[in-house]
Amino acid sequence: MKKISRRWARAAILLCAFGPVLMLVGQWWETTWLVGAGGGCLIAALLIKFSLRCPKCGWRGVPPQWFKDGTIHCPKCGAPLEYDR
């Protein structure tokens, strides 16, 4: 069974964290390119998040996970999700 890429899951988490920070800094310094870069980061994070698929049912939108702290199950089919590494 194919596993979910932890590299892309981590990228989605980082982009989701940096996006609002860039947008707030852009608002503070009144630079529109930082606001646009923050928005681009958030859009890229959403695109990555919805490209992660459940290996069992193929549902898009699996929650990204940085570390293996516990077992995360697919919200649609309930199967345990396996990440690589």
PDB file of N, CA and C in Angstrom:
ATOM      1  N   MET A   1       0.850  -1.175   0.000  1.00  0.00           N
ATOM      2  CA  MET A   1       0.000   0.000   0.000  1.00  0.00           C
ATOM      3  C   MET A   1       0.899   1.244   0.000  1.00  0.00           C
ATOM      4  N   LYS A   2       0.534   2.216  -0.802  1.00  0.00           N
ATOM      5  CA  LYS A   2       1.300   3.448  -0.913  1.00  0.00           C
ATOM      6  C   LYS A   2       1.153   4.278   0.357  1.00  0.00           C
ATOM      7  N   LYS A   3       2.262   4.879   0.788  1.00  0.00           N
ATOM      8  CA  LYS A   3       2.252   5.705   1.999  1.00  0.00           C
ATOM      9  C   LYS A   3       2.180   7.182   1.618  1.00  0.00           C
ATOM     10  N   ILE A   4       1.744   7.987   2.571  1.00  0.00           N
ATOM     11  CA  ILE A   4       1.618   9.430   2.370  1.00  0.00           C
ATOM     12  C   ILE A   4       2.991  10.065   2.573  1.00  0.00           C
ATOM     13  N   SER A   5       3.349  11.021   1.748  1.00  0.00           N
ATOM     14  CA  SER A   5       4.652  11.667   1.823  1.00  0.00           C
ATOM     15  C   SER A   5       4.695  12.636   3.006  1.00  0.00           C
ATOM     16  N   ARG A   6       5.590  12.354   3.954  1.00  0.00           N
ATOM     17  CA  ARG A   6       5.749  13.250   5.101  1.00  0.00           C
ATOM     18  C   ARG A   6       6.432  14.547   4.682  1.00  0.00           C
ATOM     19  N   ARG A   7       7.242  14.492   3.617  1.00  0.00           N
ATOM     20  CA  ARG A   7       7.907  15.703   3.130  1.00  0.00           C
ATOM     21  C   ARG A   7       6.874  16.739   2.693  1.00  0.00           C
ATOM     22  N   TRP A   8       5.843  16.300   1.952  1.00  0.00           N
ATOM     23  CA  TRP A   8       4.818  17.239   1.500  1.00  0.00           C
ATOM     24  C   TRP A   8       3.923  17.665   2.659  1.00  0.00           C
ATOM     25  N   ALA A   9       3.699  16.778   3.611  1.00  0.00           N
ATOM     26  CA  ALA A   9       2.907  17.155   4.779  1.00  0.00           C
ATOM     27  C   ALA A   9       3.617  18.238   5.584  1.00  0.00           C
ATOM     28  N   ARG A  10       4.930  18.089   5.750  1.00  0.00           N
ATOM     29  CA  ARG A  10       5.699  19.109   6.472  1.00  0.00           C
ATOM     30  C   ARG A  10       5.740  20.425   5.702  1.00  0.00           C
ATOM     31  N   ALA A  11       5.832  20.342   4.378  1.00  0.00           N
ATOM     32  CA  ALA A  11       5.825  21.561   3.566  1.00  0.00           C
ATOM     33  C   ALA A  11       4.507  22.305   3.735  1.00  0.00           C
ATOM     34  N   ALA A  12       3.391  21.583   3.779  1.00  0.00           N
ATOM     35  CA  ALA A  12       2.085  22.223   3.968  1.00  0.00           C
ATOM     36  C   ALA A  12       2.006  22.900   5.334  1.00  0.00           C
ATOM     37  N   ILE A  13       2.550  22.249   6.365  1.00  0.00           N
ATOM     38  CA  ILE A  13       2.526  22.825   7.709  1.00  0.00           C
ATOM     39  C   ILE A  13       3.364  24.098   7.756  1.00  0.00           C
ATOM     40  N   LEU A  14       4.566  24.060   7.170  1.00  0.00           N
ATOM     41  CA  LEU A  14       5.431  25.245   7.174  1.00  0.00           C
ATOM     42  C   LEU A  14       4.826  26.403   6.382  1.00  0.00           C
ATOM     43  N   LEU A  15       4.283  26.106   5.214  1.00  0.00           N
ATOM     44  CA  LEU A  15       3.675  27.173   4.417  1.00  0.00           C
ATOM     45  C   LEU A  15       2.466  27.782   5.122  1.00  0.00           C
ATOM     46  N   CYS A  16       1.714  26.947   5.825  1.00  0.00           N
ATOM     47  CA  CYS A  16       0.551  27.444   6.564  1.00  0.00           C
ATOM     48  C   CYS A  16       0.985  28.305   7.750  1.00  0.00           C
ATOM     49  N   ALA A  17       2.170  28.051   8.285  1.00  0.00           N
ATOM     50  CA  ALA A  17       2.676  28.855   9.392  1.00  0.00           C
ATOM     51  C   ALA A  17       3.276  30.175   8.907  1.00  0.00           C
ATOM     52  N   PHE A  18       4.004  30.136   7.779  1.00  0.00           N
ATOM     53  CA  PHE A  18       4.669  31.339   7.281  1.00  0.00           C
ATOM     54  C   PHE A  18       3.728  32.294   6.555  1.00  0.00           C
ATOM     55  N   GLY A  19       2.649  31.794   6.002  1.00  0.00           N
ATOM     56  CA  GLY A  19       1.727  32.638   5.248  1.00  0.00           C
ATOM     57  C   GLY A  19       1.143  33.789   6.062  1.00  0.00           C
ATOM     58  N   PRO A  20       0.493  33.497   7.201  1.00  0.00           N
ATOM     59  CA  PRO A  20      -0.052  34.599   7.994  1.00  0.00           C
ATOM     60  C   PRO A  20       1.017  35.541   8.550  1.00  0.00           C
ATOM     61  N   VAL A  21       2.196  34.994   8.865  1.00  0.00           N
ATOM     62  CA  VAL A  21       3.277  35.851   9.369  1.00  0.00           C
ATOM     63  C   VAL A  21       3.706  36.838   8.300  1.00  0.00           C
ATOM     64  N   LEU A  22       3.881  36.361   7.085  1.00  0.00           N
ATOM     65  CA  LEU A  22       4.244  37.267   5.985  1.00  0.00           C
ATOM     66  C   LEU A  22       3.156  38.296   5.728  1.00  0.00           C
ATOM     67  N   MET A  23       1.907  37.879   5.824  1.00  0.00           N
ATOM     68  CA  MET A  23       0.818  38.826   5.594  1.00  0.00           C
ATOM     69  C   MET A  23       0.773  39.906   6.680  1.00  0.00           C
ATOM     70  N   LEU A  24       0.984  39.513   7.934  1.00  0.00           N
ATOM     71  CA  LEU A  24       0.992  40.504   9.018  1.00  0.00           C
ATOM     72  C   LEU A  24       2.179  41.461   8.912  1.00  0.00           C
ATOM     73  N   VAL A  25       3.354  40.937   8.575  1.00  0.00           N
ATOM     74  CA  VAL A  25       4.525  41.795   8.409  1.00  0.00           C
ATOM     75  C   VAL A  25       4.311  42.739   7.222  1.00  0.00           C
ATOM     76  N   GLY A  26       3.695  42.231   6.166  1.00  0.00           N
ATOM     77  CA  GLY A  26       3.405  43.080   5.012  1.00  0.00           C
ATOM     78  C   GLY A  26       2.418  44.181   5.337  1.00  0.00           C
ATOM     79  N   GLN A  27       1.431  43.885   6.176  1.00  0.00           N
ATOM     80  CA  GLN A  27       0.499  44.921   6.610  1.00  0.00           C
ATOM     81  C   GLN A  27       1.200  45.945   7.504  1.00  0.00           C
ATOM     82  N   TRP A  28       2.091  45.464   8.361  1.00  0.00           N
ATOM     83  CA  TRP A  28       2.790  46.360   9.286  1.00  0.00           C
ATOM     84  C   TRP A  28       3.724  47.305   8.532  1.00  0.00           C
ATOM     85  N   TRP A  29       4.488  46.767   7.571  1.00  0.00           N
ATOM     86  CA  TRP A  29       5.426  47.575   6.804  1.00  0.00           C
ATOM     87  C   TRP A  29       4.790  48.218   5.585  1.00  0.00           C
ATOM     88  N   GLU A  30       3.520  47.940   5.346  1.00  0.00           N
ATOM     89  CA  GLU A  30       2.766  48.488   4.219  1.00  0.00           C
ATOM     90  C   GLU A  30       3.426  48.162   2.877  1.00  0.00           C
ATOM     91  N   THR A  31       3.797  46.885   2.720  1.00  0.00           N
ATOM     92  CA  THR A  31       4.342  46.424   1.445  1.00  0.00           C
ATOM     93  C   THR A  31       3.401  45.359   0.895  1.00  0.00           C
ATOM     94  N   THR A  32       2.948  45.598  -0.307  1.00  0.00           N
ATOM     95  CA  THR A  32       1.956  44.692  -0.877  1.00  0.00           C
ATOM     96  C   THR A  32       2.561  43.369  -1.337  1.00  0.00           C
ATOM     97  N   TRP A  33       3.846  43.354  -1.679  1.00  0.00           N
ATOM     98  CA  TRP A  33       4.427  42.104  -2.156  1.00  0.00           C
ATOM     99  C   TRP A  33       4.541  41.081  -1.037  1.00  0.00           C
ATOM    100  N   LEU A  34       4.750  41.526   0.221  1.00  0.00           N
ATOM    101  CA  LEU A  34       4.777  40.580   1.338  1.00  0.00           C
ATOM    102  C   LEU A  34       3.385  40.014   1.611  1.00  0.00           C
ATOM    103  N   VAL A  35       2.380  40.835   1.472  1.00  0.00           N
ATOM    104  CA  VAL A  35       1.006  40.352   1.644  1.00  0.00           C
ATOM    105  C   VAL A  35       0.680  39.338   0.551  1.00  0.00           C
ATOM    106  N   GLY A  36       1.089  39.620  -0.669  1.00  0.00           N
ATOM    107  CA  GLY A  36       0.874  38.688  -1.763  1.00  0.00           C
ATOM    108  C   GLY A  36       1.654  37.391  -1.590  1.00  0.00           C
ATOM    109  N   ALA A  37       2.879  37.494  -1.070  1.00  0.00           N
ATOM    110  CA  ALA A  37       3.679  36.290  -0.825  1.00  0.00           C
ATOM    111  C   ALA A  37       3.046  35.436   0.265  1.00  0.00           C
ATOM    112  N   GLY A  38       2.502  36.087   1.290  1.00  0.00           N
ATOM    113  CA  GLY A  38       1.807  35.342   2.345  1.00  0.00           C
ATOM    114  C   GLY A  38       0.562  34.650   1.829  1.00  0.00           C
ATOM    115  N   GLY A  39      -0.171  35.348   0.978  1.00  0.00           N
ATOM    116  CA  GLY A  39      -1.344  34.726   0.365  1.00  0.00           C
ATOM    117  C   GLY A  39      -0.959  33.565  -0.536  1.00  0.00           C
ATOM    118  N   GLY A  40       0.139  33.718  -1.253  1.00  0.00           N
ATOM    119  CA  GLY A  40       0.638  32.633  -2.094  1.00  0.00           C
ATOM    120  C   GLY A  40       1.050  31.421  -1.271  1.00  0.00           C
ATOM    121  N   CYS A  41       1.652  31.670  -0.112  1.00  0.00           N
ATOM    122  CA  CYS A  41       2.021  30.560   0.782  1.00  0.00           C
ATOM    123  C   CYS A  41       0.777  29.816   1.266  1.00  0.00           C
ATOM    124  N   LEU A  42      -0.264  30.555   1.614  1.00  0.00           N
ATOM    125  CA  LEU A  42      -1.488  29.899   2.079  1.00  0.00           C
ATOM    126  C   LEU A  42      -2.171  29.106   0.964  1.00  0.00           C
ATOM    127  N   ILE A  43      -2.170  29.646  -0.234  1.00  0.00           N
ATOM    128  CA  ILE A  43      -2.756  28.918  -1.366  1.00  0.00           C
ATOM    129  C   ILE A  43      -1.951  27.662  -1.674  1.00  0.00           C
ATOM    130  N   ALA A  44      -0.623  27.773  -1.625  1.00  0.00           N
ATOM    131  CA  ALA A  44       0.223  26.601  -1.869  1.00  0.00           C
ATOM    132  C   ALA A  44       0.009  25.545  -0.786  1.00  0.00           C
ATOM    133  N   ALA A  45      -0.163  25.971   0.465  1.00  0.00           N
ATOM    134  CA  ALA A  45      -0.414  25.016   1.550  1.00  0.00           C
ATOM    135  C   ALA A  45      -1.730  24.280   1.333  1.00  0.00           C
ATOM    136  N   LEU A  46      -2.748  24.998   0.886  1.00  0.00           N
ATOM    137  CA  LEU A  46      -4.028  24.344   0.610  1.00  0.00           C
ATOM    138  C   LEU A  46      -3.927  23.374  -0.559  1.00  0.00           C
ATOM    139  N   LEU A  47      -3.194  23.756  -1.594  1.00  0.00           N
ATOM    140  CA  LEU A  47      -3.024  22.863  -2.736  1.00  0.00           C
ATOM    141  C   LEU A  47      -2.287  21.589  -2.337  1.00  0.00           C
ATOM    142  N   ILE A  48      -1.259  21.730  -1.507  1.00  0.00           N
ATOM    143  CA  ILE A  48      -0.524  20.549  -1.043  1.00  0.00           C
ATOM    144  C   ILE A  48      -1.408  19.699  -0.150  1.00  0.00           C
ATOM    145  N   LYS A  49      -2.161  20.340   0.747  1.00  0.00           N
ATOM    146  CA  LYS A  49      -3.009  19.588   1.668  1.00  0.00           C
ATOM    147  C   LYS A  49      -4.034  18.754   0.920  1.00  0.00           C
ATOM    148  N   PHE A  50      -4.635  19.331  -0.105  1.00  0.00           N
ATOM    149  CA  PHE A  50      -5.650  18.603  -0.841  1.00  0.00           C
ATOM    150  C   PHE A  50      -5.068  17.698  -1.927  1.00  0.00           C
ATOM    151  N   SER A  51      -3.732  17.631  -2.032  1.00  0.00           N
ATOM    152  CA  SER A  51      -3.126  16.634  -2.906  1.00  0.00           C
ATOM    153  C   SER A  51      -2.719  15.392  -2.122  1.00  0.00           C
ATOM    154  N   LEU A  52      -2.687  15.483  -0.778  1.00  0.00           N
ATOM    155  CA  LEU A  52      -2.408  14.305   0.046  1.00  0.00           C
ATOM    156  C   LEU A  52      -3.647  13.418   0.037  1.00  0.00           C
ATOM    157  N   ARG A  53      -3.463  12.134  -0.298  1.00  0.00           N
ATOM    158  CA  ARG A  53      -4.599  11.226  -0.455  1.00  0.00           C
ATOM    159  C   ARG A  53      -4.500  10.067   0.520  1.00  0.00           C
ATOM    160  N   CYS A  54      -5.642   9.593   0.949  1.00  0.00           N
ATOM    161  CA  CYS A  54      -5.725   8.391   1.770  1.00  0.00           C
ATOM    162  C   CYS A  54      -5.342   7.194   0.894  1.00  0.00           C
ATOM    163  N   PRO A  55      -4.419   6.350   1.357  1.00  0.00           N
ATOM    164  CA  PRO A  55      -4.024   5.203   0.533  1.00  0.00           C
ATOM    165  C   PRO A  55      -5.135   4.172   0.364  1.00  0.00           C
ATOM    166  N   LYS A  56      -6.083   4.138   1.263  1.00  0.00           N
ATOM    167  CA  LYS A  56      -7.140   3.123   1.194  1.00  0.00           C
ATOM    168  C   LYS A  56      -8.298   3.556   0.291  1.00  0.00           C
ATOM    169  N   CYS A  57      -8.874   4.740   0.561  1.00  0.00           N
ATOM    170  CA  CYS A  57     -10.067   5.158  -0.200  1.00  0.00           C
ATOM    171  C   CYS A  57      -9.773   6.239  -1.235  1.00  0.00           C
ATOM    172  N   GLY A  58      -8.593   6.885  -1.162  1.00  0.00           N
ATOM    173  CA  GLY A  58      -8.248   7.915  -2.135  1.00  0.00           C
ATOM    174  C   GLY A  58      -8.820   9.287  -1.826  1.00  0.00           C
ATOM    175  N   TRP A  59      -9.367   9.477  -0.624  1.00  0.00           N
ATOM    176  CA  TRP A  59      -9.958  10.768  -0.263  1.00  0.00           C
ATOM    177  C   TRP A  59      -8.871  11.824  -0.154  1.00  0.00           C
ATOM    178  N   ARG A  60      -9.110  12.971  -0.739  1.00  0.00           N
ATOM    179  CA  ARG A  60      -8.150  14.078  -0.685  1.00  0.00           C
ATOM    180  C   ARG A  60      -8.439  14.934   0.548  1.00  0.00           C
ATOM    181  N   GLY A  61      -7.395  15.468   1.136  1.00  0.00           N
ATOM    182  CA  GLY A  61      -7.567  16.326   2.295  1.00  0.00           C
ATOM    183  C   GLY A  61      -7.167  15.656   3.584  1.00  0.00           C
ATOM    184  N   VAL A  62      -6.236  14.718   3.511  1.00  0.00           N
ATOM    185  CA  VAL A  62      -5.745  14.041   4.704  1.00  0.00           C
ATOM    186  C   VAL A  62      -5.020  15.056   5.582  1.00  0.00           C
ATOM    187  N   PRO A  63      -5.217  15.030   6.899  1.00  0.00           N
ATOM    188  CA  PRO A  63      -4.530  15.996   7.759  1.00  0.00           C
ATOM    189  C   PRO A  63      -3.018  15.753   7.771  1.00  0.00           C
ATOM    190  N   PRO A  64      -2.210  16.793   7.532  1.00  0.00           N
ATOM    191  CA  PRO A  64      -0.762  16.612   7.554  1.00  0.00           C
ATOM    192  C   PRO A  64      -0.267  16.387   8.977  1.00  0.00           C
ATOM    193  N   GLN A  65       0.801  15.608   9.102  1.00  0.00           N
ATOM    194  CA  GLN A  65       1.359  15.267  10.405  1.00  0.00           C
ATOM    195  C   GLN A  65       2.872  15.432  10.337  1.00  0.00           C
ATOM    196  N   TRP A  66       3.455  16.172  11.295  1.00  0.00           N
ATOM    197  CA  TRP A  66       4.892  16.413  11.299  1.00  0.00           C
ATOM    198  C   TRP A  66       5.638  15.196  11.837  1.00  0.00           C
ATOM    199  N   PHE A  67       5.287  14.757  13.046  1.00  0.00           N
ATOM    200  CA  PHE A  67       5.900  13.589  13.677  1.00  0.00           C
ATOM    201  C   PHE A  67       4.877  12.485  13.822  1.00  0.00           C
ATOM    202  N   LYS A  68       5.341  11.282  14.049  1.00  0.00           N
ATOM    203  CA  LYS A  68       4.438  10.175  14.320  1.00  0.00           C
ATOM    204  C   LYS A  68       4.212  10.128  15.823  1.00  0.00           C
ATOM    205  N   ASP A  69       3.279  10.917  16.314  1.00  0.00           N
ATOM    206  CA  ASP A  69       2.946  10.945  17.733  1.00  0.00           C
ATOM    207  C   ASP A  69       1.887   9.910  18.077  1.00  0.00           C
ATOM    208  N   GLY A  70       1.045   9.617  17.163  1.00  0.00           N
ATOM    209  CA  GLY A  70      -0.040   8.676  17.374  1.00  0.00           C
ATOM    210  C   GLY A  70      -0.613   8.278  16.034  1.00  0.00           C
ATOM    211  N   THR A  71      -1.617   7.492  16.066  1.00  0.00           N
ATOM    212  CA  THR A  71      -2.232   7.041  14.830  1.00  0.00           C
ATOM    213  C   THR A  71      -3.345   8.000  14.434  1.00  0.00           C
ATOM    214  N   ILE A  72      -3.246   8.527  13.226  1.00  0.00           N
ATOM    215  CA  ILE A  72      -4.289   9.378  12.665  1.00  0.00           C
ATOM    216  C   ILE A  72      -5.085   8.523  11.695  1.00  0.00           C
ATOM    217  N   HIS A  73      -6.387   8.656  11.749  1.00  0.00           N
ATOM    218  CA  HIS A  73      -7.256   7.885  10.874  1.00  0.00           C
ATOM    219  C   HIS A  73      -7.864   8.795   9.813  1.00  0.00           C
ATOM    220  N   CYS A  74      -8.181   8.210   8.683  1.00  0.00           N
ATOM    221  CA  CYS A  74      -8.820   8.942   7.594  1.00  0.00           C
ATOM    222  C   CYS A  74     -10.202   9.407   8.054  1.00  0.00           C
ATOM    223  N   PRO A  75     -10.535  10.694   7.867  1.00  0.00           N
ATOM    224  CA  PRO A  75     -11.850  11.178   8.282  1.00  0.00           C
ATOM    225  C   PRO A  75     -13.005  10.545   7.506  1.00  0.00           C
ATOM    226  N   LYS A  76     -12.731  10.024   6.308  1.00  0.00           N
ATOM    227  CA  LYS A  76     -13.811   9.470   5.493  1.00  0.00           C
ATOM    228  C   LYS A  76     -14.026   7.976   5.738  1.00  0.00           C
ATOM    229  N   CYS A  77     -12.948   7.171   5.631  1.00  0.00           N
ATOM    230  CA  CYS A  77     -13.123   5.722   5.726  1.00  0.00           C
ATOM    231  C   CYS A  77     -12.690   5.150   7.067  1.00  0.00           C
ATOM    232  N   GLY A  78     -11.937   5.891   7.869  1.00  0.00           N
ATOM    233  CA  GLY A  78     -11.522   5.425   9.179  1.00  0.00           C
ATOM    234  C   GLY A  78     -10.287   4.546   9.182  1.00  0.00           C
ATOM    235  N   ALA A  79      -9.636   4.372   8.036  1.00  0.00           N
ATOM    236  CA  ALA A  79      -8.430   3.554   7.965  1.00  0.00           C
ATOM    237  C   ALA A  79      -7.258   4.303   8.584  1.00  0.00           C
ATOM    238  N   PRO A  80      -6.335   3.616   9.261  1.00  0.00           N
ATOM    239  CA  PRO A  80      -5.155   4.294   9.805  1.00  0.00           C
ATOM    240  C   PRO A  80      -4.255   4.796   8.666  1.00  0.00           C
ATOM    241  N   LEU A  81      -3.763   5.994   8.820  1.00  0.00           N
ATOM    242  CA  LEU A  81      -2.919   6.609   7.788  1.00  0.00           C
ATOM    243  C   LEU A  81      -1.452   6.317   8.081  1.00  0.00           C
ATOM    244  N   GLU A  82      -0.723   5.927   7.045  1.00  0.00           N
ATOM    245  CA  GLU A  82       0.699   5.647   7.176  1.00  0.00           C
ATOM    246  C   GLU A  82       1.485   6.666   6.361  1.00  0.00           C
ATOM    247  N   TYR A  83       2.436   7.322   7.039  1.00  0.00           N
ATOM    248  CA  TYR A  83       3.316   8.248   6.375  1.00  0.00           C
ATOM    249  C   TYR A  83       4.654   7.558   6.150  1.00  0.00           C
ATOM    250  N   ASP A  84       5.384   7.972   5.106  1.00  0.00           N
ATOM    251  CA  ASP A  84       6.713   7.393   4.908  1.00  0.00           C
ATOM    252  C   ASP A  84       7.680   7.963   5.927  1.00  0.00           C
ATOM    253  N   ARG A  85       8.807   7.344   6.080  1.00  0.00           N
ATOM    254  CA  ARG A  85       9.856   7.674   7.055  1.00  0.00           C
ATOM    255  C   ARG A  85       9.367   7.394   8.431  1.00  0.00           C
TER     256      ARG A  85
END
